């Protein structure tokens, strides 16, 4: 097996930091951290705190799947592929609930929020594809 390329470590660390930020957001929202949540409007807080349990579970899978995927990627484990796939599934379910079944467009449908949701989805897919490529190249075992 050849030496691991520099981009592997950069992408792995950036993926871990990116997903850790998502995990922090999830934790602060779920614990209703007053300082963190003070930047949201009362309508947004009602939306976040009123999410159905299944949506919170999907959100958790999306967030923690990304964190676990990044850790497994850095450990060169092919299970990173499955963790990133779980993360994508969680993101899809969460966004479906927020934007198709609920009034998420009214509550947080500004350009920044929509762009961030799209970026999260695109990055999750990119990480999945990268992990799969690294497995195909023999980097992940």
Protein backbone atom coordinates (compact mmCIF):
# COMPACT_ATOMS: atom_id res chain seq x y z
CA UNK A 1 0.00 0.00 0.00
CA UNK A 2 1.33 3.42 -0.92
CA UNK A 3 1.78 6.32 1.45
CA UNK A 4 -1.40 8.21 2.26
CA UNK A 5 -1.65 11.44 0.28
CA UNK A 6 -1.67 14.79 2.07
CA UNK A 7 -5.22 15.58 0.92
CA UNK A 8 -6.56 12.62 2.86
CA UNK A 9 -5.47 14.14 6.17
CA UNK A 10 -6.65 17.63 5.24
CA UNK A 11 -10.07 16.40 4.15
CA UNK A 12 -10.34 14.14 7.20
CA UNK A 13 -9.56 16.92 9.67
CA UNK A 14 -11.76 19.47 7.89
CA UNK A 15 -14.59 16.88 7.79
CA UNK A 16 -14.22 16.30 11.52
CA UNK A 17 -14.29 20.03 12.33
CA UNK A 18 -17.23 20.64 9.96
CA UNK A 19 -19.25 17.80 11.48
CA UNK A 20 -18.26 18.80 15.03
CA UNK A 21 -19.81 22.23 14.39
CA UNK A 22 -23.01 20.45 13.35
CA UNK A 23 -22.86 18.32 16.49
CA UNK A 24 -22.43 21.44 18.62
CA UNK A 25 -25.47 23.02 16.93
CA UNK A 26 -27.49 19.87 17.59
CA UNK A 27 -26.45 19.71 21.25
CA UNK A 28 -27.06 23.40 21.90
CA UNK A 29 -30.49 23.21 20.28
CA UNK A 30 -31.52 20.02 22.05
CA UNK A 31 -30.38 21.29 25.45
CA UNK A 32 -32.05 24.63 24.67
CA UNK A 33 -28.88 26.47 25.63
CA UNK A 34 -30.10 29.98 26.36
CA UNK A 35 -26.97 31.79 25.22
CA UNK A 36 -26.72 29.85 21.95
CA UNK A 37 -30.41 30.09 21.13
CA UNK A 38 -30.72 33.79 21.95
CA UNK A 39 -30.04 34.73 18.32
CA UNK A 40 -33.23 33.08 17.07
CA UNK A 41 -36.68 34.63 16.91
CA UNK A 42 -39.52 33.30 19.09
CA UNK A 43 -41.11 31.76 15.97
CA UNK A 44 -37.87 29.97 15.11
CA UNK A 45 -37.48 28.71 18.69
CA UNK A 46 -41.03 27.37 18.64
CA UNK A 47 -40.24 25.58 15.38
CA UNK A 48 -36.99 24.03 16.70
CA UNK A 49 -38.46 23.02 20.05
CA UNK A 50 -41.58 21.61 18.42
CA UNK A 51 -39.89 19.18 16.05
CA UNK A 52 -41.36 15.67 16.20
CA UNK A 53 -39.23 13.00 17.89
CA UNK A 54 -38.65 11.18 14.61
CA UNK A 55 -37.21 14.35 13.09
CA UNK A 56 -34.90 14.86 16.05
CA UNK A 57 -33.79 11.23 15.66
CA UNK A 58 -33.11 11.76 11.94
CA UNK A 59 -31.23 14.98 12.76
CA UNK A 60 -29.13 13.06 15.30
CA UNK A 61 -28.33 10.38 12.73
CA UNK A 62 -27.35 13.06 10.23
CA UNK A 63 -25.11 14.88 12.68
CA UNK A 64 -23.51 12.00 14.54
CA UNK A 65 -23.19 9.91 11.37
CA UNK A 66 -21.02 12.71 9.98
CA UNK A 67 -18.89 12.90 13.13
CA UNK A 68 -18.43 9.13 13.26
CA UNK A 69 -17.76 9.03 9.52
CA UNK A 70 -15.00 11.63 9.83
CA UNK A 71 -13.40 9.78 12.75
CA UNK A 72 -13.58 6.47 10.87
CA UNK A 73 -12.13 8.15 7.79
CA UNK A 74 -9.15 9.39 9.82
CA UNK A 75 -8.77 5.88 11.25
CA UNK A 76 -8.78 4.58 7.66
CA UNK A 77 -11.81 2.36 8.22
CA UNK A 78 -14.16 1.55 5.37
CA UNK A 79 -17.09 1.79 7.80
CA UNK A 80 -16.73 5.56 7.19
CA UNK A 81 -18.66 4.99 3.96
CA UNK A 82 -21.65 3.61 5.87
CA UNK A 83 -21.49 6.34 8.50
CA UNK A 84 -21.50 9.03 5.81
CA UNK A 85 -24.39 7.23 4.07
CA UNK A 86 -26.35 7.26 7.34
CA UNK A 87 -25.57 10.95 7.68
CA UNK A 88 -26.99 11.64 4.20
CA UNK A 89 -30.15 9.68 5.04
CA UNK A 90 -30.59 11.70 8.24
CA UNK A 91 -30.12 14.96 6.36
CA UNK A 92 -32.67 14.00 3.69
CA UNK A 93 -35.30 12.99 6.26
CA UNK A 94 -34.71 16.10 8.38
CA UNK A 95 -34.92 18.45 5.40
CA UNK A 96 -38.01 16.68 4.09
CA UNK A 97 -39.73 17.26 7.43
CA UNK A 98 -38.54 20.83 7.79
CA UNK A 99 -39.26 22.05 4.26
CA UNK A 100 -41.93 19.72 2.84
CA UNK A 101 -44.03 18.69 5.84
CA UNK A 102 -43.56 21.68 8.13
CA UNK A 103 -43.38 25.43 7.63
CA UNK A 104 -39.59 25.61 7.57
CA UNK A 105 -39.61 27.83 4.50
CA UNK A 106 -41.65 30.43 6.38
CA UNK A 107 -39.61 30.13 9.58
CA UNK A 108 -36.09 29.90 8.18
CA UNK A 109 -36.49 30.13 4.42
CA UNK A 110 -34.07 32.99 3.94
CA UNK A 111 -31.28 32.66 1.39
CA UNK A 112 -28.60 31.98 4.02
CA UNK A 113 -30.54 29.16 5.72
CA UNK A 114 -31.42 27.53 2.41
CA UNK A 115 -27.84 27.86 1.22
CA UNK A 116 -26.54 26.33 4.43
CA UNK A 117 -28.97 23.42 4.14
CA UNK A 118 -27.84 22.85 0.56
CA UNK A 119 -24.16 23.09 1.53
CA UNK A 120 -24.62 20.56 4.34
CA UNK A 121 -26.22 18.13 1.89
CA UNK A 122 -23.61 18.63 -0.84
CA UNK A 123 -20.70 18.28 1.60
CA UNK A 124 -22.20 15.10 3.06
CA UNK A 125 -22.45 13.59 -0.42
CA UNK A 126 -18.89 14.70 -1.23
CA UNK A 127 -17.58 13.06 1.95
CA UNK A 128 -19.43 9.85 1.14
CA UNK A 129 -17.99 9.81 -2.39
CA UNK A 130 -14.50 10.64 -1.10
CA UNK A 131 -14.61 7.82 1.45
CA UNK A 132 -15.81 5.42 -1.22
CA UNK A 133 -12.98 6.51 -3.54
CA UNK A 134 -10.43 6.08 -0.77
CA UNK A 135 -11.73 2.56 -0.16
CA UNK A 136 -11.48 1.76 -3.87
CA UNK A 137 -7.87 3.01 -3.83
CA UNK A 138 -7.05 0.78 -0.88
CA UNK A 139 -6.61 3.56 1.67
CA UNK A 140 -9.55 2.41 3.85
CA UNK A 141 -9.58 -1.11 5.16
